[in-house]
């Protein structure tokens, strides 16, 4: 089952007669990886120009092409998201956070890596 964003992108892809899912070695996967890179670079450029409108547009475009890549590779993004979210939340102990001198949240003993392989049923 796909989530809201992935469903909308898949509808666009079907209307645009894009075939999915496909193998990670496919031309379609290469296309989407190129689009992700392109949108990232455009967003980075907008960030450096401090253009909040273009940053917002770039962020939405990145989500769009990331959802496209998930569709191409038949990745249930919402399920992967939930697994990563659970892993990230395991960094908090009793609702408290430990940060290093740069402000990066540290991984306490309670931390567990996301089990993406399980989510993908591989």
PDB file of N, CA and C in Angstrom:
ATOM      1  N   UNK A   1       0.831  -1.177   0.000  1.00  0.00           N
ATOM      2  CA  UNK A   1       0.000   0.000   0.000  1.00  0.00           C
ATOM      3  C   UNK A   1       0.876   1.242   0.000  1.00  0.00           C
ATOM      4  N   UNK A   2       0.615   2.137  -0.888  1.00  0.00           N
ATOM      5  CA  UNK A   2       1.368   3.378  -0.991  1.00  0.00           C
ATOM      6  C   UNK A   2       0.721   4.459  -0.153  1.00  0.00           C
ATOM      7  N   UNK A   3       1.525   5.433   0.202  1.00  0.00           N
ATOM      8  CA  UNK A   3       1.012   6.583   0.926  1.00  0.00           C
ATOM      9  C   UNK A   3       0.510   7.642  -0.031  1.00  0.00           C
ATOM     10  N   UNK A   4      -0.015   8.692   0.530  1.00  0.00           N
ATOM     11  CA  UNK A   4      -0.643   9.778  -0.218  1.00  0.00           C
ATOM     12  C   UNK A   4       0.261  10.331  -1.320  1.00  0.00           C
ATOM     13  N   UNK A   5       1.476  10.727  -0.976  1.00  0.00           N
ATOM     14  CA  UNK A   5       2.371  11.330  -1.979  1.00  0.00           C
ATOM     15  C   UNK A   5       2.754  10.323  -3.048  1.00  0.00           C
ATOM     16  N   UNK A   6       3.081   9.111  -2.613  1.00  0.00           N
ATOM     17  CA  UNK A   6       3.485   8.096  -3.585  1.00  0.00           C
ATOM     18  C   UNK A   6       2.323   7.770  -4.524  1.00  0.00           C
ATOM     19  N   UNK A   7       1.106   7.702  -4.007  1.00  0.00           N
ATOM     20  CA  UNK A   7      -0.056   7.431  -4.867  1.00  0.00           C
ATOM     21  C   UNK A   7      -0.233   8.521  -5.921  1.00  0.00           C
ATOM     22  N   UNK A   8      -0.067   9.776  -5.534  1.00  0.00           N
ATOM     23  CA  UNK A   8      -0.219  10.872  -6.493  1.00  0.00           C
ATOM     24  C   UNK A   8       0.845  10.814  -7.580  1.00  0.00           C
ATOM     25  N   UNK A   9       2.067  10.512  -7.191  1.00  0.00           N
ATOM     26  CA  UNK A   9       3.153  10.405  -8.170  1.00  0.00           C
ATOM     27  C   UNK A   9       2.918   9.205  -9.090  1.00  0.00           C
ATOM     28  N   UNK A  10       2.456   8.092  -8.522  1.00  0.00           N
ATOM     29  CA  UNK A  10       2.173   6.920  -9.356  1.00  0.00           C
ATOM     30  C   UNK A  10       1.061   7.209 -10.358  1.00  0.00           C
ATOM     31  N   UNK A  11       0.064   7.984  -9.957  1.00  0.00           N
ATOM     32  CA  UNK A  11      -1.000   8.383 -10.889  1.00  0.00           C
ATOM     33  C   UNK A  11      -0.409   9.192 -12.039  1.00  0.00           C
ATOM     34  N   UNK A  12       0.492  10.125 -11.725  1.00  0.00           N
ATOM     35  CA  UNK A  12       1.179  10.918 -12.745  1.00  0.00           C
ATOM     36  C   UNK A  12       1.972  10.001 -13.675  1.00  0.00           C
ATOM     37  N   UNK A  13       2.674   9.049 -13.088  1.00  0.00           N
ATOM     38  CA  UNK A  13       3.500   8.146 -13.886  1.00  0.00           C
ATOM     39  C   UNK A  13       2.643   7.294 -14.818  1.00  0.00           C
ATOM     40  N   UNK A  14       1.512   6.804 -14.309  1.00  0.00           N
ATOM     41  CA  UNK A  14       0.619   6.002 -15.155  1.00  0.00           C
ATOM     42  C   UNK A  14       0.055   6.850 -16.288  1.00  0.00           C
ATOM     43  N   UNK A  15      -0.353   8.068 -15.971  1.00  0.00           N
ATOM     44  CA  UNK A  15      -0.886   8.968 -16.999  1.00  0.00           C
ATOM     45  C   UNK A  15       0.182   9.279 -18.035  1.00  0.00           C
ATOM     46  N   UNK A  16       1.430   9.393 -17.560  1.00  0.00           N
ATOM     47  CA  UNK A  16       2.550   9.657 -18.460  1.00  0.00           C
ATOM     48  C   UNK A  16       3.109   8.408 -19.121  1.00  0.00           C
ATOM     49  N   UNK A  17       2.402   7.295 -18.954  1.00  0.00           N
ATOM     50  CA  UNK A  17       2.761   6.010 -19.558  1.00  0.00           C
ATOM     51  C   UNK A  17       4.165   5.554 -19.191  1.00  0.00           C
ATOM     52  N   UNK A  18       4.545   5.818 -17.943  1.00  0.00           N
ATOM     53  CA  UNK A  18       5.808   5.305 -17.424  1.00  0.00           C
ATOM     54  C   UNK A  18       5.536   3.929 -16.821  1.00  0.00           C
ATOM     55  N   UNK A  19       6.342   2.969 -17.186  1.00  0.00           N
ATOM     56  CA  UNK A  19       6.164   1.595 -16.722  1.00  0.00           C
ATOM     57  C   UNK A  19       6.907   1.384 -15.404  1.00  0.00           C
ATOM     58  N   UNK A  20       6.197   0.875 -14.436  1.00  0.00           N
ATOM     59  CA  UNK A  20       6.810   0.571 -13.141  1.00  0.00           C
ATOM     60  C   UNK A  20       5.997  -0.529 -12.491  1.00  0.00           C
ATOM     61  N   UNK A  21       6.571  -1.278 -11.556  1.00  0.00           N
ATOM     62  CA  UNK A  21       7.955  -1.179 -11.085  1.00  0.00           C
ATOM     63  C   UNK A  21       8.937  -1.773 -12.087  1.00  0.00           C
ATOM     64  N   UNK A  22      10.188  -1.400 -11.888  1.00  0.00           N
ATOM     65  CA  UNK A  22      11.277  -1.890 -12.724  1.00  0.00           C
ATOM     66  C   UNK A  22      12.470  -2.220 -11.842  1.00  0.00           C
ATOM     67  N   UNK A  23      13.439  -2.851 -12.442  1.00  0.00           N
ATOM     68  CA  UNK A  23      14.660  -3.242 -11.754  1.00  0.00           C
ATOM     69  C   UNK A  23      15.517  -2.016 -11.438  1.00  0.00           C
ATOM     70  N   UNK A  24      16.323  -2.115 -10.393  1.00  0.00           N
ATOM     71  CA  UNK A  24      17.216  -1.020 -10.009  1.00  0.00           C
ATOM     72  C   UNK A  24      18.237  -0.717 -11.112  1.00  0.00           C
ATOM     73  N   UNK A  25      18.476  -1.662 -11.991  1.00  0.00           N
ATOM     74  CA  UNK A  25      19.416  -1.465 -13.098  1.00  0.00           C
ATOM     75  C   UNK A  25      18.738  -0.893 -14.344  1.00  0.00           C
ATOM     76  N   UNK A  26      17.476  -0.542 -14.257  1.00  0.00           N
ATOM     77  CA  UNK A  26      16.724  -0.087 -15.432  1.00  0.00           C
ATOM     78  C   UNK A  26      17.036   1.364 -15.796  1.00  0.00           C
ATOM     79  N   UNK A  27      16.716   1.701 -17.034  1.00  0.00           N
ATOM     80  CA  UNK A  27      16.856   3.087 -17.491  1.00  0.00           C
ATOM     81  C   UNK A  27      15.949   4.019 -16.689  1.00  0.00           C
ATOM     82  N   UNK A  28      14.771   3.534 -16.295  1.00  0.00           N
ATOM     83  CA  UNK A  28      13.843   4.348 -15.522  1.00  0.00           C
ATOM     84  C   UNK A  28      14.435   4.681 -14.149  1.00  0.00           C
ATOM     85  N   UNK A  29      15.077   3.710 -13.514  1.00  0.00           N
ATOM     86  CA  UNK A  29      15.729   3.962 -12.228  1.00  0.00           C
ATOM     87  C   UNK A  29      16.855   4.980 -12.407  1.00  0.00           C
ATOM     88  N   UNK A  30      17.624   4.848 -13.482  1.00  0.00           N
ATOM     89  CA  UNK A  30      18.680   5.828 -13.778  1.00  0.00           C
ATOM     90  C   UNK A  30      18.091   7.225 -13.967  1.00  0.00           C
ATOM     91  N   UNK A  31      16.961   7.299 -14.688  1.00  0.00           N
ATOM     92  CA  UNK A  31      16.300   8.584 -14.912  1.00  0.00           C
ATOM     93  C   UNK A  31      15.913   9.225 -13.584  1.00  0.00           C
ATOM     94  N   UNK A  32      15.280   8.451 -12.715  1.00  0.00           N
ATOM     95  CA  UNK A  32      14.840   9.023 -11.452  1.00  0.00           C
ATOM     96  C   UNK A  32      16.012   9.412 -10.554  1.00  0.00           C
ATOM     97  N   UNK A  33      17.100   8.661 -10.594  1.00  0.00           N
ATOM     98  CA  UNK A  33      18.268   9.059  -9.808  1.00  0.00           C
ATOM     99  C   UNK A  33      18.840  10.371 -10.350  1.00  0.00           C
ATOM    100  N   UNK A  34      18.838  10.535 -11.661  1.00  0.00           N
ATOM    101  CA  UNK A  34      19.289  11.795 -12.258  1.00  0.00           C
ATOM    102  C   UNK A  34      18.377  12.947 -11.848  1.00  0.00           C
ATOM    103  N   UNK A  35      17.074  12.693 -11.827  1.00  0.00           N
ATOM    104  CA  UNK A  35      16.125  13.736 -11.429  1.00  0.00           C
ATOM    105  C   UNK A  35      16.303  14.123  -9.956  1.00  0.00           C
ATOM    106  N   UNK A  36      16.550  13.141  -9.108  1.00  0.00           N
ATOM    107  CA  UNK A  36      16.791  13.427  -7.693  1.00  0.00           C
ATOM    108  C   UNK A  36      18.024  14.316  -7.553  1.00  0.00           C
ATOM    109  N   UNK A  37      19.086  13.978  -8.271  1.00  0.00           N
ATOM    110  CA  UNK A  37      20.322  14.762  -8.220  1.00  0.00           C
ATOM    111  C   UNK A  37      20.095  16.176  -8.731  1.00  0.00           C
ATOM    112  N   UNK A  38      19.381  16.289  -9.834  1.00  0.00           N
ATOM    113  CA  UNK A  38      19.091  17.602 -10.421  1.00  0.00           C
ATOM    114  C   UNK A  38      18.288  18.467  -9.458  1.00  0.00           C
ATOM    115  N   UNK A  39      17.250  17.907  -8.870  1.00  0.00           N
ATOM    116  CA  UNK A  39      16.418  18.683  -7.945  1.00  0.00           C
ATOM    117  C   UNK A  39      17.185  19.065  -6.684  1.00  0.00           C
ATOM    118  N   UNK A  40      18.031  18.161  -6.200  1.00  0.00           N
ATOM    119  CA  UNK A  40      18.860  18.484  -5.042  1.00  0.00           C
ATOM    120  C   UNK A  40      19.766  19.670  -5.358  1.00  0.00           C
ATOM    121  N   UNK A  41      20.444  19.613  -6.502  1.00  0.00           N
ATOM    122  CA  UNK A  41      21.366  20.692  -6.869  1.00  0.00           C
ATOM    123  C   UNK A  41      20.642  22.025  -7.034  1.00  0.00           C
ATOM    124  N   UNK A  42      19.442  22.002  -7.628  1.00  0.00           N
ATOM    125  CA  UNK A  42      18.666  23.237  -7.770  1.00  0.00           C
ATOM    126  C   UNK A  42      18.243  23.775  -6.405  1.00  0.00           C
ATOM    127  N   UNK A  43      17.881  22.889  -5.489  1.00  0.00           N
ATOM    128  CA  UNK A  43      17.482  23.315  -4.154  1.00  0.00           C
ATOM    129  C   UNK A  43      18.683  23.876  -3.395  1.00  0.00           C
ATOM    130  N   UNK A  44      19.816  23.250  -3.531  1.00  0.00           N
ATOM    131  CA  UNK A  44      21.036  23.732  -2.889  1.00  0.00           C
ATOM    132  C   UNK A  44      21.400  25.124  -3.400  1.00  0.00           C
ATOM    133  N   UNK A  45      21.296  25.322  -4.699  1.00  0.00           N
ATOM    134  CA  UNK A  45      21.578  26.635  -5.290  1.00  0.00           C
ATOM    135  C   UNK A  45      20.610  27.692  -4.738  1.00  0.00           C
ATOM    136  N   UNK A  46      19.336  27.345  -4.654  1.00  0.00           N
ATOM    137  CA  UNK A  46      18.339  28.279  -4.114  1.00  0.00           C
ATOM    138  C   UNK A  46      18.635  28.593  -2.651  1.00  0.00           C
ATOM    139  N   UNK A  47      19.067  27.585  -1.908  1.00  0.00           N
ATOM    140  CA  UNK A  47      19.421  27.786  -0.502  1.00  0.00           C
ATOM    141  C   UNK A  47      20.571  28.784  -0.381  1.00  0.00           C
ATOM    142  N   UNK A  48      21.594  28.613  -1.211  1.00  0.00           N
ATOM    143  CA  UNK A  48      22.741  29.522  -1.165  1.00  0.00           C
ATOM    144  C   UNK A  48      22.358  30.945  -1.568  1.00  0.00           C
ATOM    145  N   UNK A  49      21.346  31.067  -2.407  1.00  0.00           N
ATOM    146  CA  UNK A  49      20.837  32.395  -2.795  1.00  0.00           C
ATOM    147  C   UNK A  49      19.843  32.934  -1.763  1.00  0.00           C
ATOM    148  N   UNK A  50      19.530  32.117  -0.771  1.00  0.00           N
ATOM    149  CA  UNK A  50      18.556  32.443   0.269  1.00  0.00           C
ATOM    150  C   UNK A  50      17.194  32.793  -0.321  1.00  0.00           C
ATOM    151  N   UNK A  51      16.802  32.017  -1.345  1.00  0.00           N
ATOM    152  CA  UNK A  51      15.519  32.197  -2.028  1.00  0.00           C
ATOM    153  C   UNK A  51      14.540  31.162  -1.484  1.00  0.00           C
ATOM    154  N   UNK A  52      13.778  31.562  -0.470  1.00  0.00           N
ATOM    155  CA  UNK A  52      12.898  30.626   0.227  1.00  0.00           C
ATOM    156  C   UNK A  52      11.831  30.031  -0.689  1.00  0.00           C
ATOM    157  N   UNK A  53      11.368  30.799  -1.672  1.00  0.00           N
ATOM    158  CA  UNK A  53      10.355  30.299  -2.606  1.00  0.00           C
ATOM    159  C   UNK A  53      10.926  29.148  -3.430  1.00  0.00           C
ATOM    160  N   UNK A  54      12.117  29.330  -3.946  1.00  0.00           N
ATOM    161  CA  UNK A  54      12.736  28.278  -4.757  1.00  0.00           C
ATOM    162  C   UNK A  54      13.181  27.089  -3.906  1.00  0.00           C
ATOM    163  N   UNK A  55      13.556  27.343  -2.647  1.00  0.00           N
ATOM    164  CA  UNK A  55      13.878  26.235  -1.747  1.00  0.00           C
ATOM    165  C   UNK A  55      12.624  25.392  -1.520  1.00  0.00           C
ATOM    166  N   UNK A  56      11.501  26.056  -1.243  1.00  0.00           N
ATOM    167  CA  UNK A  56      10.244  25.335  -1.023  1.00  0.00           C
ATOM    168  C   UNK A  56       9.862  24.525  -2.260  1.00  0.00           C
ATOM    169  N   UNK A  57       9.990  25.141  -3.432  1.00  0.00           N
ATOM    170  CA  UNK A  57       9.686  24.433  -4.678  1.00  0.00           C
ATOM    171  C   UNK A  57      10.625  23.240  -4.851  1.00  0.00           C
ATOM    172  N   UNK A  58      11.890  23.443  -4.559  1.00  0.00           N
ATOM    173  CA  UNK A  58      12.865  22.369  -4.697  1.00  0.00           C
ATOM    174  C   UNK A  58      12.597  21.212  -3.753  1.00  0.00           C
ATOM    175  N   UNK A  59      12.199  21.530  -2.524  1.00  0.00           N
ATOM    176  CA  UNK A  59      11.886  20.470  -1.564  1.00  0.00           C
ATOM    177  C   UNK A  59      10.710  19.633  -2.055  1.00  0.00           C
ATOM    178  N   UNK A  60       9.673  20.296  -2.554  1.00  0.00           N
ATOM    179  CA  UNK A  60       8.522  19.561  -3.082  1.00  0.00           C
ATOM    180  C   UNK A  60       8.922  18.736  -4.299  1.00  0.00           C
ATOM    181  N   UNK A  61       9.753  19.312  -5.177  1.00  0.00           N
ATOM    182  CA  UNK A  61      10.213  18.567  -6.354  1.00  0.00           C
ATOM    183  C   UNK A  61      11.038  17.348  -5.947  1.00  0.00           C
ATOM    184  N   UNK A  62      11.862  17.504  -4.899  1.00  0.00           N
ATOM    185  CA  UNK A  62      12.655  16.354  -4.443  1.00  0.00           C
ATOM    186  C   UNK A  62      11.751  15.247  -3.915  1.00  0.00           C
ATOM    187  N   UNK A  63      10.737  15.605  -3.136  1.00  0.00           N
ATOM    188  CA  UNK A  63       9.804  14.591  -2.644  1.00  0.00           C
ATOM    189  C   UNK A  63       9.133  13.903  -3.824  1.00  0.00           C
ATOM    190  N   UNK A  64       8.753  14.685  -4.831  1.00  0.00           N
ATOM    191  CA  UNK A  64       8.090  14.125  -6.009  1.00  0.00           C
ATOM    192  C   UNK A  64       8.957  13.069  -6.685  1.00  0.00           C
ATOM    193  N   UNK A  65      10.211  13.412  -6.968  1.00  0.00           N
ATOM    194  CA  UNK A  65      11.060  12.468  -7.696  1.00  0.00           C
ATOM    195  C   UNK A  65      11.508  11.313  -6.796  1.00  0.00           C
ATOM    196  N   UNK A  66      11.607  11.546  -5.496  1.00  0.00           N
ATOM    197  CA  UNK A  66      11.912  10.446  -4.574  1.00  0.00           C
ATOM    198  C   UNK A  66      10.749   9.460  -4.551  1.00  0.00           C
ATOM    199  N   UNK A  67       9.525   9.961  -4.532  1.00  0.00           N
ATOM    200  CA  UNK A  67       8.359   9.066  -4.581  1.00  0.00           C
ATOM    201  C   UNK A  67       8.318   8.331  -5.920  1.00  0.00           C
ATOM    202  N   UNK A  68       8.751   8.991  -6.982  1.00  0.00           N
ATOM    203  CA  UNK A  68       8.837   8.328  -8.283  1.00  0.00           C
ATOM    204  C   UNK A  68       9.841   7.185  -8.260  1.00  0.00           C
ATOM    205  N   UNK A  69      10.990   7.434  -7.649  1.00  0.00           N
ATOM    206  CA  UNK A  69      12.005   6.383  -7.534  1.00  0.00           C
ATOM    207  C   UNK A  69      11.465   5.227  -6.696  1.00  0.00           C
ATOM    208  N   UNK A  70      10.755   5.530  -5.616  1.00  0.00           N
ATOM    209  CA  UNK A  70      10.174   4.476  -4.791  1.00  0.00           C
ATOM    210  C   UNK A  70       9.192   3.642  -5.612  1.00  0.00           C
ATOM    211  N   UNK A  71       8.398   4.302  -6.434  1.00  0.00           N
ATOM    212  CA  UNK A  71       7.448   3.582  -7.286  1.00  0.00           C
ATOM    213  C   UNK A  71       8.175   2.711  -8.303  1.00  0.00           C
ATOM    214  N   UNK A  72       9.203   3.266  -8.928  1.00  0.00           N
ATOM    215  CA  UNK A  72       9.971   2.508  -9.923  1.00  0.00           C
ATOM    216  C   UNK A  72      10.542   1.239  -9.296  1.00  0.00           C
ATOM    217  N   UNK A  73      11.025   1.347  -8.067  1.00  0.00           N
ATOM    218  CA  UNK A  73      11.672   0.204  -7.424  1.00  0.00           C
ATOM    219  C   UNK A  73      10.724  -0.601  -6.546  1.00  0.00           C
ATOM    220  N   UNK A  74       9.429  -0.259  -6.587  1.00  0.00           N
ATOM    221  CA  UNK A  74       8.401  -0.974  -5.826  1.00  0.00           C
ATOM    222  C   UNK A  74       8.722  -0.983  -4.324  1.00  0.00           C
ATOM    223  N   UNK A  75       9.154   0.179  -3.836  1.00  0.00           N
ATOM    224  CA  UNK A  75       9.471   0.345  -2.417  1.00  0.00           C
ATOM    225  C   UNK A  75       8.249   0.917  -1.714  1.00  0.00           C
ATOM    226  N   UNK A  76       7.738   0.237  -0.698  1.00  0.00           N
ATOM    227  CA  UNK A  76       6.601   0.767   0.072  1.00  0.00           C
ATOM    228  C   UNK A  76       7.106   1.867   1.012  1.00  0.00           C
ATOM    229  N   UNK A  77       7.165   3.073   0.490  1.00  0.00           N
ATOM    230  CA  UNK A  77       7.855   4.154   1.185  1.00  0.00           C
ATOM    231  C   UNK A  77       7.313   4.410   2.584  1.00  0.00           C
ATOM    232  N   UNK A  78       6.003   4.394   2.759  1.00  0.00           N
ATOM    233  CA  UNK A  78       5.438   4.657   4.085  1.00  0.00           C
ATOM    234  C   UNK A  78       5.926   3.639   5.115  1.00  0.00           C
ATOM    235  N   UNK A  79       6.014   2.388   4.722  1.00  0.00           N
ATOM    236  CA  UNK A  79       6.491   1.352   5.642  1.00  0.00           C
ATOM    237  C   UNK A  79       7.972   1.557   5.968  1.00  0.00           C
ATOM    238  N   UNK A  80       8.755   1.925   4.975  1.00  0.00           N
ATOM    239  CA  UNK A  80      10.175   2.215   5.206  1.00  0.00           C
ATOM    240  C   UNK A  80      10.295   3.427   6.123  1.00  0.00           C
ATOM    241  N   UNK A  81       9.483   4.464   5.857  1.00  0.00           N
ATOM    242  CA  UNK A  81       9.484   5.668   6.681  1.00  0.00           C
ATOM    243  C   UNK A  81       9.208   5.322   8.146  1.00  0.00           C
ATOM    244  N   UNK A  82       8.203   4.505   8.392  1.00  0.00           N
ATOM    245  CA  UNK A  82       7.837   4.151   9.763  1.00  0.00           C
ATOM    246  C   UNK A  82       8.962   3.401  10.464  1.00  0.00           C
ATOM    247  N   UNK A  83       9.661   2.545   9.746  1.00  0.00           N
ATOM    248  CA  UNK A  83      10.789   1.817  10.333  1.00  0.00           C
ATOM    249  C   UNK A  83      11.934   2.774  10.674  1.00  0.00           C
ATOM    250  N   UNK A  84      12.231   3.703   9.777  1.00  0.00           N
ATOM    251  CA  UNK A  84      13.288   4.691  10.028  1.00  0.00           C
ATOM    252  C   UNK A  84      12.879   5.620  11.169  1.00  0.00           C
ATOM    253  N   UNK A  85      11.618   6.003  11.202  1.00  0.00           N
ATOM    254  CA  UNK A  85      11.111   6.857  12.282  1.00  0.00           C
ATOM    255  C   UNK A  85      11.280   6.172  13.632  1.00  0.00           C
ATOM    256  N   UNK A  86      10.907   4.899  13.714  1.00  0.00           N
ATOM    257  CA  UNK A  86      11.048   4.155  14.970  1.00  0.00           C
ATOM    258  C   UNK A  86      12.512   4.106  15.397  1.00  0.00           C
ATOM    259  N   UNK A  87      13.398   3.888  14.444  1.00  0.00           N
ATOM    260  CA  UNK A  87      14.831   3.869  14.732  1.00  0.00           C
ATOM    261  C   UNK A  87      15.289   5.228  15.264  1.00  0.00           C
ATOM    262  N   UNK A  88      14.897   6.295  14.587  1.00  0.00           N
ATOM    263  CA  UNK A  88      15.286   7.638  15.030  1.00  0.00           C
ATOM    264  C   UNK A  88      14.759   7.940  16.428  1.00  0.00           C
ATOM    265  N   UNK A  89      13.537   7.545  16.708  1.00  0.00           N
ATOM    266  CA  UNK A  89      12.948   7.817  18.017  1.00  0.00           C
ATOM    267  C   UNK A  89      13.641   7.011  19.123  1.00  0.00           C
ATOM    268  N   UNK A  90      14.324   5.916  18.743  1.00  0.00           N
ATOM    269  CA  UNK A  90      15.042   5.125  19.741  1.00  0.00           C
ATOM    270  C   UNK A  90      16.281   5.856  20.255  1.00  0.00           C
ATOM    271  N   UNK A  91      16.605   6.995  19.666  1.00  0.00           N
ATOM    272  CA  UNK A  91      17.745   7.807  20.120  1.00  0.00           C
ATOM    273  C   UNK A  91      17.419   8.589  21.383  1.00  0.00           C
ATOM    274  N   UNK A  92      16.142   8.659  21.750  1.00  0.00           N
ATOM    275  CA  UNK A  92      15.739   9.399  22.940  1.00  0.00           C
ATOM    276  C   UNK A  92      15.570   8.438  24.108  1.00  0.00           C
ATOM    277  N   UNK A  93      16.107   8.819  25.243  1.00  0.00           N
ATOM    278  CA  UNK A  93      16.007   8.010  26.454  1.00  0.00           C
ATOM    279  C   UNK A  93      15.158   8.772  27.456  1.00  0.00           C
ATOM    280  N   UNK A  94      14.016   8.187  27.810  1.00  0.00           N
ATOM    281  CA  UNK A  94      13.084   8.841  28.738  1.00  0.00           C
ATOM    282  C   UNK A  94      12.732  10.254  28.266  1.00  0.00           C
ATOM    283  N   UNK A  95      12.582  10.392  26.963  1.00  0.00           N
ATOM    284  CA  UNK A  95      12.205  11.683  26.392  1.00  0.00           C
ATOM    285  C   UNK A  95      13.335  12.699  26.351  1.00  0.00           C
ATOM    286  N   UNK A  96      14.543  12.260  26.634  1.00  0.00           N
ATOM    287  CA  UNK A  96      15.684  13.173  26.655  1.00  0.00           C
ATOM    288  C   UNK A  96      16.646  12.837  25.523  1.00  0.00           C
ATOM    289  N   UNK A  97      17.353  13.863  25.095  1.00  0.00           N
ATOM    290  CA  UNK A  97      18.276  13.730  23.984  1.00  0.00           C
ATOM    291  C   UNK A  97      19.701  13.986  24.474  1.00  0.00           C
ATOM    292  N   UNK A  98      20.646  13.309  23.852  1.00  0.00           N
ATOM    293  CA  UNK A  98      22.069  13.550  24.110  1.00  0.00           C
ATOM    294  C   UNK A  98      22.662  14.034  22.797  1.00  0.00           C
ATOM    295  N   UNK A  99      23.324  15.202  22.856  1.00  0.00           N
ATOM    296  CA  UNK A  99      23.928  15.790  21.657  1.00  0.00           C
ATOM    297  C   UNK A  99      25.427  15.937  21.849  1.00  0.00           C
ATOM    298  N   UNK A 100      26.140  15.911  20.720  1.00  0.00           N
ATOM    299  CA  UNK A 100      27.570  16.178  20.794  1.00  0.00           C
ATOM    300  C   UNK A 100      27.792  17.690  20.760  1.00  0.00           C
ATOM    301  N   UNK A 101      29.056  18.104  20.762  1.00  0.00           N
ATOM    302  CA  UNK A 101      29.388  19.538  20.810  1.00  0.00           C
ATOM    303  C   UNK A 101      28.903  20.310  19.586  1.00  0.00           C
ATOM    304  N   UNK A 102      28.599  19.601  18.479  1.00  0.00           N
ATOM    305  CA  UNK A 102      28.093  20.248  17.268  1.00  0.00           C
ATOM    306  C   UNK A 102      26.568  20.246  17.197  1.00  0.00           C
ATOM    307  N   UNK A 103      25.919  19.671  18.193  1.00  0.00           N
ATOM    308  CA  UNK A 103      24.466  19.630  18.217  1.00  0.00           C
ATOM    309  C   UNK A 103      23.864  18.399  17.567  1.00  0.00           C
ATOM    310  N   UNK A 104      24.717  17.471  17.125  1.00  0.00           N
ATOM    311  CA  UNK A 104      24.198  16.254  16.495  1.00  0.00           C
ATOM    312  C   UNK A 104      23.679  15.310  17.575  1.00  0.00           C
ATOM    313  N   UNK A 105      22.490  14.777  17.358  1.00  0.00           N
ATOM    314  CA  UNK A 105      21.904  13.829  18.294  1.00  0.00           C
ATOM    315  C   UNK A 105      22.703  12.527  18.254  1.00  0.00           C
ATOM    316  N   UNK A 106      23.057  12.042  19.443  1.00  0.00           N
ATOM    317  CA  UNK A 106      23.869  10.833  19.578  1.00  0.00           C
ATOM    318  C   UNK A 106      22.998   9.583  19.677  1.00  0.00           C
ATOM    319  N   UNK A 107      23.624   8.447  19.473  1.00  0.00           N
ATOM    320  CA  UNK A 107      22.932   7.156  19.519  1.00  0.00           C
ATOM    321  C   UNK A 107      23.230   6.477  20.858  1.00  0.00           C
ATOM    322  N   UNK A 108      22.260   6.488  21.774  1.00  0.00           N
ATOM    323  CA  UNK A 108      22.468   5.811  23.063  1.00  0.00           C
ATOM    324  C   UNK A 108      22.332   4.298  22.907  1.00  0.00           C
ATOM    325  N   UNK A 109      22.496   3.580  23.997  1.00  0.00           N
ATOM    326  CA  UNK A 109      22.376   2.119  23.971  1.00  0.00           C
ATOM    327  C   UNK A 109      20.996   1.659  23.514  1.00  0.00           C
ATOM    328  N   UNK A 110      19.980   2.505  23.706  1.00  0.00           N
ATOM    329  CA  UNK A 110      18.614   2.142  23.307  1.00  0.00           C
ATOM    330  C   UNK A 110      18.401   2.214  21.788  1.00  0.00           C
ATOM    331  N   UNK A 111      19.358   2.810  21.080  1.00  0.00           N
ATOM    332  CA  UNK A 111      19.226   2.972  19.629  1.00  0.00           C
ATOM    333  C   UNK A 111      19.244   1.616  18.924  1.00  0.00           C
ATOM    334  N   UNK A 112      18.393   1.505  17.900  1.00  0.00           N
ATOM    335  CA  UNK A 112      18.447   0.339  17.024  1.00  0.00           C
ATOM    336  C   UNK A 112      18.391   0.800  15.577  1.00  0.00           C
ATOM    337  N   UNK A 113      19.134   0.103  14.733  1.00  0.00           N
ATOM    338  CA  UNK A 113      19.146   0.416  13.296  1.00  0.00           C
ATOM    339  C   UNK A 113      17.808   0.015  12.678  1.00  0.00           C
ATOM    340  N   UNK A 114      17.353   0.794  11.687  1.00  0.00           N
ATOM    341  CA  UNK A 114      16.120   0.382  11.016  1.00  0.00           C
ATOM    342  C   UNK A 114      16.343  -0.917  10.245  1.00  0.00           C
ATOM    343  N   UNK A 115      15.360  -1.796  10.305  1.00  0.00           N
ATOM    344  CA  UNK A 115      15.456  -3.078   9.617  1.00  0.00           C
ATOM    345  C   UNK A 115      14.713  -2.966   8.277  1.00  0.00           C
ATOM    346  N   UNK A 116      15.359  -2.301   7.339  1.00  0.00           N
ATOM    347  CA  UNK A 116      14.753  -2.063   6.016  1.00  0.00           C
ATOM    348  C   UNK A 116      14.561  -3.377   5.270  1.00  0.00           C
ATOM    349  N   UNK A 117      15.491  -4.296   5.441  1.00  0.00           N
ATOM    350  CA  UNK A 117      15.378  -5.591   4.758  1.00  0.00           C
ATOM    351  C   UNK A 117      14.074  -6.288   5.167  1.00  0.00           C
ATOM    352  N   UNK A 118      13.723  -6.216   6.440  1.00  0.00           N
ATOM    353  CA  UNK A 118      12.480  -6.833   6.907  1.00  0.00           C
ATOM    354  C   UNK A 118      11.270  -6.134   6.267  1.00  0.00           C
ATOM    355  N   UNK A 119      11.314  -4.809   6.228  1.00  0.00           N
ATOM    356  CA  UNK A 119      10.192  -4.042   5.669  1.00  0.00           C
ATOM    357  C   UNK A 119       9.996  -4.385   4.191  1.00  0.00           C
ATOM    358  N   UNK A 120      11.107  -4.546   3.490  1.00  0.00           N
ATOM    359  CA  UNK A 120      11.030  -4.885   2.056  1.00  0.00           C
ATOM    360  C   UNK A 120      10.757  -6.373   1.842  1.00  0.00           C
ATOM    361  N   UNK A 121      10.718  -7.131   2.928  1.00  0.00           N
ATOM    362  CA  UNK A 121      10.450  -8.564   2.870  1.00  0.00           C
ATOM    363  C   UNK A 121      11.460  -9.280   1.982  1.00  0.00           C
ATOM    364  N   UNK A 122      12.744  -8.967   2.205  1.00  0.00           N
ATOM    365  CA  UNK A 122      13.815  -9.578   1.412  1.00  0.00           C
ATOM    366  C   UNK A 122      14.508 -10.680   2.189  1.00  0.00           C
TER     367      UNK A 122
END
